[in-house]
Amino acid sequence: ALPGFDENEYMDASHFNEQSFESLLEQYRLVRESSIALFSSFS
């Protein structure tokens, strides 16, 4: 069984507003491109 997560606890621990906006946008892009590559491989 894979665990759940509490989005509010993750947010409290993230400090997204203190991170570089450009870095967050680049992380989004890279994660999405990786996801597309992985999911495209699924039969």
ModelCIF file with pLDDT and N, C-alpha, C, O atoms, coordinates in Angstrom:
data_MODEL
#
_entry.id   MODEL 
#
_entity.id                         1 
_entity.type                       polymer 
_entity.pdbx_number_of_molecules   1 
#
_entity_poly.entity_id                      1 
_entity_poly.type                           'polypeptide(L)' 
_entity_poly.nstd_linkage                   no 
_entity_poly.nstd_monomer                   no 
_entity_poly.pdbx_seq_one_letter_code       ALPGFDENEYMDASHFNEQSFESLLEQYRLVRESSIALFSSFS 
_entity_poly.pdbx_seq_one_letter_code_can   ALPGFDENEYMDASHFNEQSFESLLEQYRLVRESSIALFSSFS 
_entity_poly.pdbx_strand_id                 A 
#
loop_
_entity_poly_seq.entity_id 
_entity_poly_seq.num 
_entity_poly_seq.mon_id 
_entity_poly_seq.hetero 
1 1  ALA n 
1 2  LEU n 
1 3  PRO n 
1 4  GLY n 
1 5  PHE n 
1 6  ASP n 
1 7  GLU n 
1 8  ASN n 
1 9  GLU n 
1 10 TYR n 
1 11 MET n 
1 12 ASP n 
1 13 ALA n 
1 14 SER n 
1 15 HIS n 
1 16 PHE n 
1 17 ASN n 
1 18 GLU n 
1 19 GLN n 
1 20 SER n 
1 21 PHE n 
1 22 GLU n 
1 23 SER n 
1 24 LEU n 
1 25 LEU n 
1 26 GLU n 
1 27 GLN n 
1 28 TYR n 
1 29 ARG n 
1 30 LEU n 
1 31 VAL n 
1 32 ARG n 
1 33 GLU n 
1 34 SER n 
1 35 SER n 
1 36 ILE n 
1 37 ALA n 
1 38 LEU n 
1 39 PHE n 
1 40 SER n 
1 41 SER n 
1 42 PHE n 
1 43 SER n 
#
_struct_asym.id          A 
_struct_asym.entity_id   1 
#
loop_
_ma_qa_metric.id 
_ma_qa_metric.mode 
_ma_qa_metric.name 
_ma_qa_metric.software_group_id 
_ma_qa_metric.type 
1 global pLDDT . pLDDT 
2 local  pLDDT . pLDDT 
#
_ma_qa_metric_global.metric_id      1 
_ma_qa_metric_global.metric_value   96.93 
_ma_qa_metric_global.model_id       1 
_ma_qa_metric_global.ordinal_id     1 
#
loop_
_ma_qa_metric_local.label_asym_id 
_ma_qa_metric_local.label_comp_id 
_ma_qa_metric_local.label_seq_id 
_ma_qa_metric_local.metric_id 
_ma_qa_metric_local.metric_value 
_ma_qa_metric_local.model_id 
_ma_qa_metric_local.ordinal_id 
A ALA 1  2 97.00 1 1  
A LEU 2  2 97.00 1 2  
A PRO 3  2 95.00 1 3  
A GLY 4  2 93.00 1 4  
A PHE 5  2 95.00 1 5  
A ASP 6  2 96.00 1 6  
A GLU 7  2 96.00 1 7  
A ASN 8  2 96.00 1 8  
A GLU 9  2 97.00 1 9  
A TYR 10 2 97.00 1 10 
A MET 11 2 97.00 1 11 
A ASP 12 2 96.00 1 12 
A ALA 13 2 97.00 1 13 
A SER 14 2 97.00 1 14 
A HIS 15 2 95.00 1 15 
A PHE 16 2 97.00 1 16 
A ASN 17 2 94.00 1 17 
A GLU 18 2 95.00 1 18 
A GLN 19 2 96.00 1 19 
A SER 20 2 96.00 1 20 
A PHE 21 2 96.00 1 21 
A GLU 22 2 97.00 1 22 
A SER 23 2 97.00 1 23 
A LEU 24 2 98.00 1 24 
A LEU 25 2 98.00 1 25 
A GLU 26 2 98.00 1 26 
A GLN 27 2 98.00 1 27 
A TYR 28 2 98.00 1 28 
A ARG 29 2 98.00 1 29 
A LEU 30 2 98.00 1 30 
A VAL 31 2 98.00 1 31 
A ARG 32 2 98.00 1 32 
A GLU 33 2 98.00 1 33 
A SER 34 2 98.00 1 34 
A SER 35 2 98.00 1 35 
A ILE 36 2 98.00 1 36 
A ALA 37 2 98.00 1 37 
A LEU 38 2 98.00 1 38 
A PHE 39 2 98.00 1 39 
A SER 40 2 98.00 1 40 
A SER 41 2 98.00 1 41 
A PHE 42 2 98.00 1 42 
A SER 43 2 97.00 1 43 
#
loop_
_atom_site.group_PDB 
_atom_site.id 
_atom_site.type_symbol 
_atom_site.label_atom_id 
_atom_site.label_alt_id 
_atom_site.label_comp_id 
_atom_site.label_asym_id 
_atom_site.label_entity_id 
_atom_site.label_seq_id 
_atom_site.pdbx_PDB_ins_code 
_atom_site.Cartn_x 
_atom_site.Cartn_y 
_atom_site.Cartn_z 
_atom_site.occupancy 
_atom_site.B_iso_or_equiv 
_atom_site.pdbx_formal_charge 
_atom_site.auth_seq_id 
_atom_site.auth_comp_id 
_atom_site.auth_asym_id 
_atom_site.auth_atom_id 
_atom_site.pdbx_PDB_model_num 
ATOM 1   N N  . ALA A 1 1  ? 0.852  -1.186 0.000   1.00 97.00 ? 1  ALA A N  1 
ATOM 2   C CA . ALA A 1 1  ? 0.000  0.000  0.000   1.00 97.00 ? 1  ALA A CA 1 
ATOM 3   C C  . ALA A 1 1  ? 0.893  1.243  0.000   1.00 97.00 ? 1  ALA A C  1 
ATOM 4   O O  . ALA A 1 1  ? 1.859  1.327  0.758   1.00 97.00 ? 1  ALA A O  1 
ATOM 5   N N  . LEU A 1 2  ? 0.560  2.188  -0.846  1.00 97.00 ? 2  LEU A N  1 
ATOM 6   C CA . LEU A 1 2  ? 1.318  3.439  -0.950  1.00 97.00 ? 2  LEU A CA 1 
ATOM 7   C C  . LEU A 1 2  ? 0.669  4.484  -0.041  1.00 97.00 ? 2  LEU A C  1 
ATOM 8   O O  . LEU A 1 2  ? -0.557 4.582  0.010   1.00 97.00 ? 2  LEU A O  1 
ATOM 9   N N  . PRO A 1 3  ? 1.480  5.261  0.674   1.00 95.00 ? 3  PRO A N  1 
ATOM 10  C CA . PRO A 1 3  ? 0.917  6.183  1.667   1.00 95.00 ? 3  PRO A CA 1 
ATOM 11  C C  . PRO A 1 3  ? 0.228  7.385  1.036   1.00 95.00 ? 3  PRO A C  1 
ATOM 12  O O  . PRO A 1 3  ? 0.495  7.753  -0.108  1.00 95.00 ? 3  PRO A O  1 
ATOM 13  N N  . GLY A 1 4  ? -0.654 7.975  1.805   1.00 93.00 ? 4  GLY A N  1 
ATOM 14  C CA . GLY A 1 4  ? -1.278 9.232  1.423   1.00 93.00 ? 4  GLY A CA 1 
ATOM 15  C C  . GLY A 1 4  ? -0.390 10.392 1.843   1.00 93.00 ? 4  GLY A C  1 
ATOM 16  O O  . GLY A 1 4  ? 0.723  10.194 2.330   1.00 93.00 ? 4  GLY A O  1 
ATOM 17  N N  . PHE A 1 5  ? -0.894 11.605 1.649   1.00 95.00 ? 5  PHE A N  1 
ATOM 18  C CA . PHE A 1 5  ? -0.172 12.786 2.108   1.00 95.00 ? 5  PHE A CA 1 
ATOM 19  C C  . PHE A 1 5  ? -1.179 13.866 2.440   1.00 95.00 ? 5  PHE A C  1 
ATOM 20  O O  . PHE A 1 5  ? -2.272 13.904 1.875   1.00 95.00 ? 5  PHE A O  1 
ATOM 21  N N  . ASP A 1 6  ? -0.814 14.736 3.349   1.00 96.00 ? 6  ASP A N  1 
ATOM 22  C CA . ASP A 1 6  ? -1.665 15.852 3.741   1.00 96.00 ? 6  ASP A CA 1 
ATOM 23  C C  . ASP A 1 6  ? -1.142 17.094 3.031   1.00 96.00 ? 6  ASP A C  1 
ATOM 24  O O  . ASP A 1 6  ? -0.053 17.580 3.336   1.00 96.00 ? 6  ASP A O  1 
ATOM 25  N N  . GLU A 1 7  ? -1.917 17.599 2.092   1.00 96.00 ? 7  GLU A N  1 
ATOM 26  C CA . GLU A 1 7  ? -1.454 18.731 1.272   1.00 96.00 ? 7  GLU A CA 1 
ATOM 27  C C  . GLU A 1 7  ? -1.133 19.964 2.113   1.00 96.00 ? 7  GLU A C  1 
ATOM 28  O O  . GLU A 1 7  ? -0.232 20.725 1.761   1.00 96.00 ? 7  GLU A O  1 
ATOM 29  N N  . ASN A 1 8  ? -1.837 20.173 3.198   1.00 96.00 ? 8  ASN A N  1 
ATOM 30  C CA . ASN A 1 8  ? -1.570 21.345 4.035   1.00 96.00 ? 8  ASN A CA 1 
ATOM 31  C C  . ASN A 1 8  ? -0.271 21.188 4.823   1.00 96.00 ? 8  ASN A C  1 
ATOM 32  O O  . ASN A 1 8  ? 0.467  22.158 4.996   1.00 96.00 ? 8  ASN A O  1 
ATOM 33  N N  . GLU A 1 9  ? 0.012  19.991 5.297   1.00 97.00 ? 9  GLU A N  1 
ATOM 34  C CA . GLU A 1 9  ? 1.291  19.753 5.975   1.00 97.00 ? 9  GLU A CA 1 
ATOM 35  C C  . GLU A 1 9  ? 2.450  19.912 4.998   1.00 97.00 ? 9  GLU A C  1 
ATOM 36  O O  . GLU A 1 9  ? 3.486  20.478 5.347   1.00 97.00 ? 9  GLU A O  1 
ATOM 37  N N  . TYR A 1 10 ? 2.278  19.413 3.775   1.00 97.00 ? 10 TYR A N  1 
ATOM 38  C CA . TYR A 1 10 ? 3.316  19.579 2.760   1.00 97.00 ? 10 TYR A CA 1 
ATOM 39  C C  . TYR A 1 10 ? 3.518  21.055 2.457   1.00 97.00 ? 10 TYR A C  1 
ATOM 40  O O  . TYR A 1 10 ? 4.651  21.511 2.303   1.00 97.00 ? 10 TYR A O  1 
ATOM 41  N N  . MET A 1 11 ? 2.432  21.796 2.372   1.00 97.00 ? 11 MET A N  1 
ATOM 42  C CA . MET A 1 11 ? 2.543  23.228 2.080   1.00 97.00 ? 11 MET A CA 1 
ATOM 43  C C  . MET A 1 11 ? 3.281  23.936 3.210   1.00 97.00 ? 11 MET A C  1 
ATOM 44  O O  . MET A 1 11 ? 4.152  24.770 2.962   1.00 97.00 ? 11 MET A O  1 
ATOM 45  N N  . ASP A 1 12 ? 2.936  23.607 4.439   1.00 96.00 ? 12 ASP A N  1 
ATOM 46  C CA . ASP A 1 12 ? 3.604  24.242 5.583   1.00 96.00 ? 12 ASP A CA 1 
ATOM 47  C C  . ASP A 1 12 ? 5.110  23.987 5.563   1.00 96.00 ? 12 ASP A C  1 
ATOM 48  O O  . ASP A 1 12 ? 5.892  24.843 5.979   1.00 96.00 ? 12 ASP A O  1 
ATOM 49  N N  . ALA A 1 13 ? 5.510  22.830 5.086   1.00 97.00 ? 13 ALA A N  1 
ATOM 50  C CA . ALA A 1 13 ? 6.930  22.466 5.060   1.00 97.00 ? 13 ALA A CA 1 
ATOM 51  C C  . ALA A 1 13 ? 7.656  22.927 3.797   1.00 97.00 ? 13 ALA A C  1 
ATOM 52  O O  . ALA A 1 13 ? 8.882  22.833 3.726   1.00 97.00 ? 13 ALA A O  1 
ATOM 53  N N  . SER A 1 14 ? 6.928  23.419 2.810   1.00 97.00 ? 14 SER A N  1 
ATOM 54  C CA . SER A 1 14 ? 7.509  23.688 1.487   1.00 97.00 ? 14 SER A CA 1 
ATOM 55  C C  . SER A 1 14 ? 8.275  25.000 1.360   1.00 97.00 ? 14 SER A C  1 
ATOM 56  O O  . SER A 1 14 ? 9.326  25.046 0.722   1.00 97.00 ? 14 SER A O  1 
ATOM 57  N N  . HIS A 1 15 ? 7.764  26.048 1.954   1.00 95.00 ? 15 HIS A N  1 
ATOM 58  C CA . HIS A 1 15 ? 8.338  27.388 1.828   1.00 95.00 ? 15 HIS A CA 1 
ATOM 59  C C  . HIS A 1 15 ? 8.421  27.833 0.366   1.00 95.00 ? 15 HIS A C  1 
ATOM 60  O O  . HIS A 1 15 ? 9.410  28.433 -0.053  1.00 95.00 ? 15 HIS A O  1 
ATOM 61  N N  . PHE A 1 16 ? 7.378  27.535 -0.400  1.00 97.00 ? 16 PHE A N  1 
ATOM 62  C CA . PHE A 1 16 ? 7.364  27.883 -1.824  1.00 97.00 ? 16 PHE A CA 1 
ATOM 63  C C  . PHE A 1 16 ? 7.508  29.383 -2.067  1.00 97.00 ? 16 PHE A C  1 
ATOM 64  O O  . PHE A 1 16 ? 8.172  29.796 -3.018  1.00 97.00 ? 16 PHE A O  1 
ATOM 65  N N  . ASN A 1 17 ? 6.888  30.203 -1.209  1.00 94.00 ? 17 ASN A N  1 
ATOM 66  C CA . ASN A 1 17 ? 6.978  31.654 -1.425  1.00 94.00 ? 17 ASN A CA 1 
ATOM 67  C C  . ASN A 1 17 ? 8.384  32.195 -1.201  1.00 94.00 ? 17 ASN A C  1 
ATOM 68  O O  . ASN A 1 17 ? 8.701  33.306 -1.626  1.00 94.00 ? 17 ASN A O  1 
ATOM 69  N N  . GLU A 1 18 ? 9.221  31.416 -0.537  1.00 95.00 ? 18 GLU A N  1 
ATOM 70  C CA . GLU A 1 18 ? 10.601 31.840 -0.303  1.00 95.00 ? 18 GLU A CA 1 
ATOM 71  C C  . GLU A 1 18 ? 11.561 31.299 -1.357  1.00 95.00 ? 18 GLU A C  1 
ATOM 72  O O  . GLU A 1 18 ? 12.741 31.649 -1.369  1.00 95.00 ? 18 GLU A O  1 
ATOM 73  N N  . GLN A 1 19 ? 11.053 30.452 -2.234  1.00 96.00 ? 19 GLN A N  1 
ATOM 74  C CA . GLN A 1 19 ? 11.878 29.892 -3.311  1.00 96.00 ? 19 GLN A CA 1 
ATOM 75  C C  . GLN A 1 19 ? 11.821 30.805 -4.533  1.00 96.00 ? 19 GLN A C  1 
ATOM 76  O O  . GLN A 1 19 ? 10.906 31.614 -4.680  1.00 96.00 ? 19 GLN A O  1 
ATOM 77  N N  . SER A 1 20 ? 12.783 30.663 -5.374  1.00 96.00 ? 20 SER A N  1 
ATOM 78  C CA . SER A 1 20 ? 12.799 31.419 -6.620  1.00 96.00 ? 20 SER A CA 1 
ATOM 79  C C  . SER A 1 20 ? 11.616 31.002 -7.493  1.00 96.00 ? 20 SER A C  1 
ATOM 80  O O  . SER A 1 20 ? 11.391 29.816 -7.734  1.00 96.00 ? 20 SER A O  1 
ATOM 81  N N  . PHE A 1 21 ? 10.874 31.991 -7.955  1.00 96.00 ? 21 PHE A N  1 
ATOM 82  C CA . PHE A 1 21 ? 9.745  31.710 -8.830  1.00 96.00 ? 21 PHE A CA 1 
ATOM 83  C C  . PHE A 1 21 ? 10.214 30.984 -10.090 1.00 96.00 ? 21 PHE A C  1 
ATOM 84  O O  . PHE A 1 21 ? 9.561  30.050 -10.555 1.00 96.00 ? 21 PHE A O  1 
ATOM 85  N N  . GLU A 1 22 ? 11.345 31.419 -10.636 1.00 97.00 ? 22 GLU A N  1 
ATOM 86  C CA . GLU A 1 22 ? 11.889 30.805 -11.851 1.00 97.00 ? 22 GLU A CA 1 
ATOM 87  C C  . GLU A 1 22 ? 12.233 29.339 -11.598 1.00 97.00 ? 22 GLU A C  1 
ATOM 88  O O  . GLU A 1 22 ? 12.011 28.488 -12.459 1.00 97.00 ? 22 GLU A O  1 
ATOM 89  N N  . SER A 1 23 ? 12.775 29.047 -10.415 1.00 97.00 ? 23 SER A N  1 
ATOM 90  C CA . SER A 1 23 ? 13.109 27.667 -10.070 1.00 97.00 ? 23 SER A CA 1 
ATOM 91  C C  . SER A 1 23 ? 11.847 26.807 -9.966  1.00 97.00 ? 23 SER A C  1 
ATOM 92  O O  . SER A 1 23 ? 11.834 25.671 -10.440 1.00 97.00 ? 23 SER A O  1 
ATOM 93  N N  . LEU A 1 24 ? 10.795 27.337 -9.352  1.00 98.00 ? 24 LEU A N  1 
ATOM 94  C CA . LEU A 1 24 ? 9.545  26.583 -9.233  1.00 98.00 ? 24 LEU A CA 1 
ATOM 95  C C  . LEU A 1 24 ? 8.943  26.297 -10.606 1.00 98.00 ? 24 LEU A C  1 
ATOM 96  O O  . LEU A 1 24 ? 8.438  25.201 -10.852 1.00 98.00 ? 24 LEU A O  1 
ATOM 97  N N  . LEU A 1 25 ? 8.999  27.277 -11.490 1.00 98.00 ? 25 LEU A N  1 
ATOM 98  C CA . LEU A 1 25 ? 8.454  27.074 -12.836 1.00 98.00 ? 25 LEU A CA 1 
ATOM 99  C C  . LEU A 1 25 ? 9.287  26.050 -13.608 1.00 98.00 ? 25 LEU A C  1 
ATOM 100 O O  . LEU A 1 25 ? 8.734  25.236 -14.348 1.00 98.00 ? 25 LEU A O  1 
ATOM 101 N N  . GLU A 1 26 ? 10.600 26.085 -13.443 1.00 98.00 ? 26 GLU A N  1 
ATOM 102 C CA . GLU A 1 26 ? 11.472 25.105 -14.097 1.00 98.00 ? 26 GLU A CA 1 
ATOM 103 C C  . GLU A 1 26 ? 11.241 23.709 -13.525 1.00 98.00 ? 26 GLU A C  1 
ATOM 104 O O  . GLU A 1 26 ? 11.238 22.728 -14.269 1.00 98.00 ? 26 GLU A O  1 
ATOM 105 N N  . GLN A 1 27 ? 11.049 23.611 -12.223 1.00 98.00 ? 27 GLN A N  1 
ATOM 106 C CA . GLN A 1 27 ? 10.739 22.305 -11.623 1.00 98.00 ? 27 GLN A CA 1 
ATOM 107 C C  . GLN A 1 27 ? 9.443  21.757 -12.209 1.00 98.00 ? 27 GLN A C  1 
ATOM 108 O O  . GLN A 1 27 ? 9.361  20.577 -12.550 1.00 98.00 ? 27 GLN A O  1 
ATOM 109 N N  . TYR A 1 28 ? 8.430  22.616 -12.326 1.00 98.00 ? 28 TYR A N  1 
ATOM 110 C CA . TYR A 1 28 ? 7.164  22.183 -12.918 1.00 98.00 ? 28 TYR A CA 1 
ATOM 111 C C  . TYR A 1 28 ? 7.409  21.620 -14.319 1.00 98.00 ? 28 TYR A C  1 
ATOM 112 O O  . TYR A 1 28 ? 6.949  20.526 -14.645 1.00 98.00 ? 28 TYR A O  1 
ATOM 113 N N  . ARG A 1 29 ? 8.136  22.375 -15.142 1.00 98.00 ? 29 ARG A N  1 
ATOM 114 C CA . ARG A 1 29 ? 8.385  21.962 -16.533 1.00 98.00 ? 29 ARG A CA 1 
ATOM 115 C C  . ARG A 1 29 ? 9.091  20.613 -16.585 1.00 98.00 ? 29 ARG A C  1 
ATOM 116 O O  . ARG A 1 29 ? 8.696  19.728 -17.343 1.00 98.00 ? 29 ARG A O  1 
ATOM 117 N N  . LEU A 1 30 ? 10.134 20.461 -15.777 1.00 98.00 ? 30 LEU A N  1 
ATOM 118 C CA . LEU A 1 30 ? 10.899 19.219 -15.794 1.00 98.00 ? 30 LEU A CA 1 
ATOM 119 C C  . LEU A 1 30 ? 10.081 18.027 -15.287 1.00 98.00 ? 30 LEU A C  1 
ATOM 120 O O  . LEU A 1 30 ? 10.154 16.936 -15.852 1.00 98.00 ? 30 LEU A O  1 
ATOM 121 N N  . VAL A 1 31 ? 9.317  18.236 -14.240 1.00 98.00 ? 31 VAL A N  1 
ATOM 122 C CA . VAL A 1 31 ? 8.472  17.162 -13.716 1.00 98.00 ? 31 VAL A CA 1 
ATOM 123 C C  . VAL A 1 31 ? 7.443  16.762 -14.768 1.00 98.00 ? 31 VAL A C  1 
ATOM 124 O O  . VAL A 1 31 ? 7.230  15.573 -15.003 1.00 98.00 ? 31 VAL A O  1 
ATOM 125 N N  . ARG A 1 32 ? 6.808  17.739 -15.402 1.00 98.00 ? 32 ARG A N  1 
ATOM 126 C CA . ARG A 1 32 ? 5.790  17.425 -16.406 1.00 98.00 ? 32 ARG A CA 1 
ATOM 127 C C  . ARG A 1 32 ? 6.394  16.681 -17.596 1.00 98.00 ? 32 ARG A C  1 
ATOM 128 O O  . ARG A 1 32 ? 5.811  15.711 -18.080 1.00 98.00 ? 32 ARG A O  1 
ATOM 129 N N  . GLU A 1 33 ? 7.546  17.124 -18.064 1.00 98.00 ? 33 GLU A N  1 
ATOM 130 C CA . GLU A 1 33 ? 8.170  16.445 -19.200 1.00 98.00 ? 33 GLU A CA 1 
ATOM 131 C C  . GLU A 1 33 ? 8.570  15.018 -18.826 1.00 98.00 ? 33 GLU A C  1 
ATOM 132 O O  . GLU A 1 33 ? 8.427  14.100 -19.634 1.00 98.00 ? 33 GLU A O  1 
ATOM 133 N N  . SER A 1 34 ? 9.065  14.833 -17.617 1.00 98.00 ? 34 SER A N  1 
ATOM 134 C CA . SER A 1 34 ? 9.403  13.490 -17.157 1.00 98.00 ? 34 SER A CA 1 
ATOM 135 C C  . SER A 1 34 ? 8.151  12.624 -17.045 1.00 98.00 ? 34 SER A C  1 
ATOM 136 O O  . SER A 1 34 ? 8.169  11.453 -17.427 1.00 98.00 ? 34 SER A O  1 
ATOM 137 N N  . SER A 1 35 ? 7.076  13.189 -16.528 1.00 98.00 ? 35 SER A N  1 
ATOM 138 C CA . SER A 1 35 ? 5.813  12.448 -16.408 1.00 98.00 ? 35 SER A CA 1 
ATOM 139 C C  . SER A 1 35 ? 5.304  12.027 -17.778 1.00 98.00 ? 35 SER A C  1 
ATOM 140 O O  . SER A 1 35 ? 4.897  10.880 -17.964 1.00 98.00 ? 35 SER A O  1 
ATOM 141 N N  . ILE A 1 36 ? 5.325  12.932 -18.723 1.00 98.00 ? 36 ILE A N  1 
ATOM 142 C CA . ILE A 1 36 ? 4.846  12.617 -20.072 1.00 98.00 ? 36 ILE A CA 1 
ATOM 143 C C  . ILE A 1 36 ? 5.673  11.477 -20.667 1.00 98.00 ? 36 ILE A C  1 
ATOM 144 O O  . ILE A 1 36 ? 5.118  10.555 -21.264 1.00 98.00 ? 36 ILE A O  1 
ATOM 145 N N  . ALA A 1 37 ? 6.991  11.537 -20.506 1.00 98.00 ? 37 ALA A N  1 
ATOM 146 C CA . ALA A 1 37 ? 7.846  10.477 -21.033 1.00 98.00 ? 37 ALA A CA 1 
ATOM 147 C C  . ALA A 1 37 ? 7.515  9.133  -20.377 1.00 98.00 ? 37 ALA A C  1 
ATOM 148 O O  . ALA A 1 37 ? 7.388  8.118  -21.062 1.00 98.00 ? 37 ALA A O  1 
ATOM 149 N N  . LEU A 1 38 ? 7.375  9.131  -19.050 1.00 98.00 ? 38 LEU A N  1 
ATOM 150 C CA . LEU A 1 38 ? 7.050  7.890  -18.339 1.00 98.00 ? 38 LEU A CA 1 
ATOM 151 C C  . LEU A 1 38 ? 5.693  7.359  -18.754 1.00 98.00 ? 38 LEU A C  1 
ATOM 152 O O  . LEU A 1 38 ? 5.571  6.199  -19.149 1.00 98.00 ? 38 LEU A O  1 
ATOM 153 N N  . PHE A 1 39 ? 4.680  8.190  -18.668 1.00 98.00 ? 39 PHE A N  1 
ATOM 154 C CA . PHE A 1 39 ? 3.318  7.727  -18.935 1.00 98.00 ? 39 PHE A CA 1 
ATOM 155 C C  . PHE A 1 39 ? 3.135  7.308  -20.396 1.00 98.00 ? 39 PHE A C  1 
ATOM 156 O O  . PHE A 1 39 ? 2.317  6.437  -20.692 1.00 98.00 ? 39 PHE A O  1 
ATOM 157 N N  . SER A 1 40 ? 3.878  7.914  -21.294 1.00 98.00 ? 40 SER A N  1 
ATOM 158 C CA . SER A 1 40 ? 3.811  7.526  -22.710 1.00 98.00 ? 40 SER A CA 1 
ATOM 159 C C  . SER A 1 40 ? 4.352  6.113  -22.914 1.00 98.00 ? 40 SER A C  1 
ATOM 160 O O  . SER A 1 40 ? 4.023  5.461  -23.904 1.00 98.00 ? 40 SER A O  1 
ATOM 161 N N  . SER A 1 41 ? 5.171  5.643  -21.996 1.00 98.00 ? 41 SER A N  1 
ATOM 162 C CA . SER A 1 41 ? 5.735  4.298  -22.111 1.00 98.00 ? 41 SER A CA 1 
ATOM 163 C C  . SER A 1 41 ? 4.779  3.218  -21.610 1.00 98.00 ? 41 SER A C  1 
ATOM 164 O O  . SER A 1 41 ? 5.019  2.033  -21.844 1.00 98.00 ? 41 SER A O  1 
ATOM 165 N N  . PHE A 1 42 ? 3.701  3.601  -20.927 1.00 98.00 ? 42 PHE A N  1 
ATOM 166 C CA . PHE A 1 42 ? 2.755  2.625  -20.385 1.00 98.00 ? 42 PHE A CA 1 
ATOM 167 C C  . PHE A 1 42 ? 1.869  2.076  -21.500 1.00 98.00 ? 42 PHE A C  1 
ATOM 168 O O  . PHE A 1 42 ? 1.240  2.844  -22.228 1.00 98.00 ? 42 PHE A O  1 
ATOM 169 N N  . SER A 1 43 ? 1.817  0.781  -21.634 1.00 97.00 ? 43 SER A N  1 
ATOM 170 C CA . SER A 1 43 ? 0.819  0.166  -22.518 1.00 97.00 ? 43 SER A CA 1 
ATOM 171 C C  . SER A 1 43 ? -0.538 0.273  -21.812 1.00 97.00 ? 43 SER A C  1 
ATOM 172 O O  . SER A 1 43 ? -1.551 -0.174 -22.350 1.00 97.00 ? 43 SER A O  1 
#
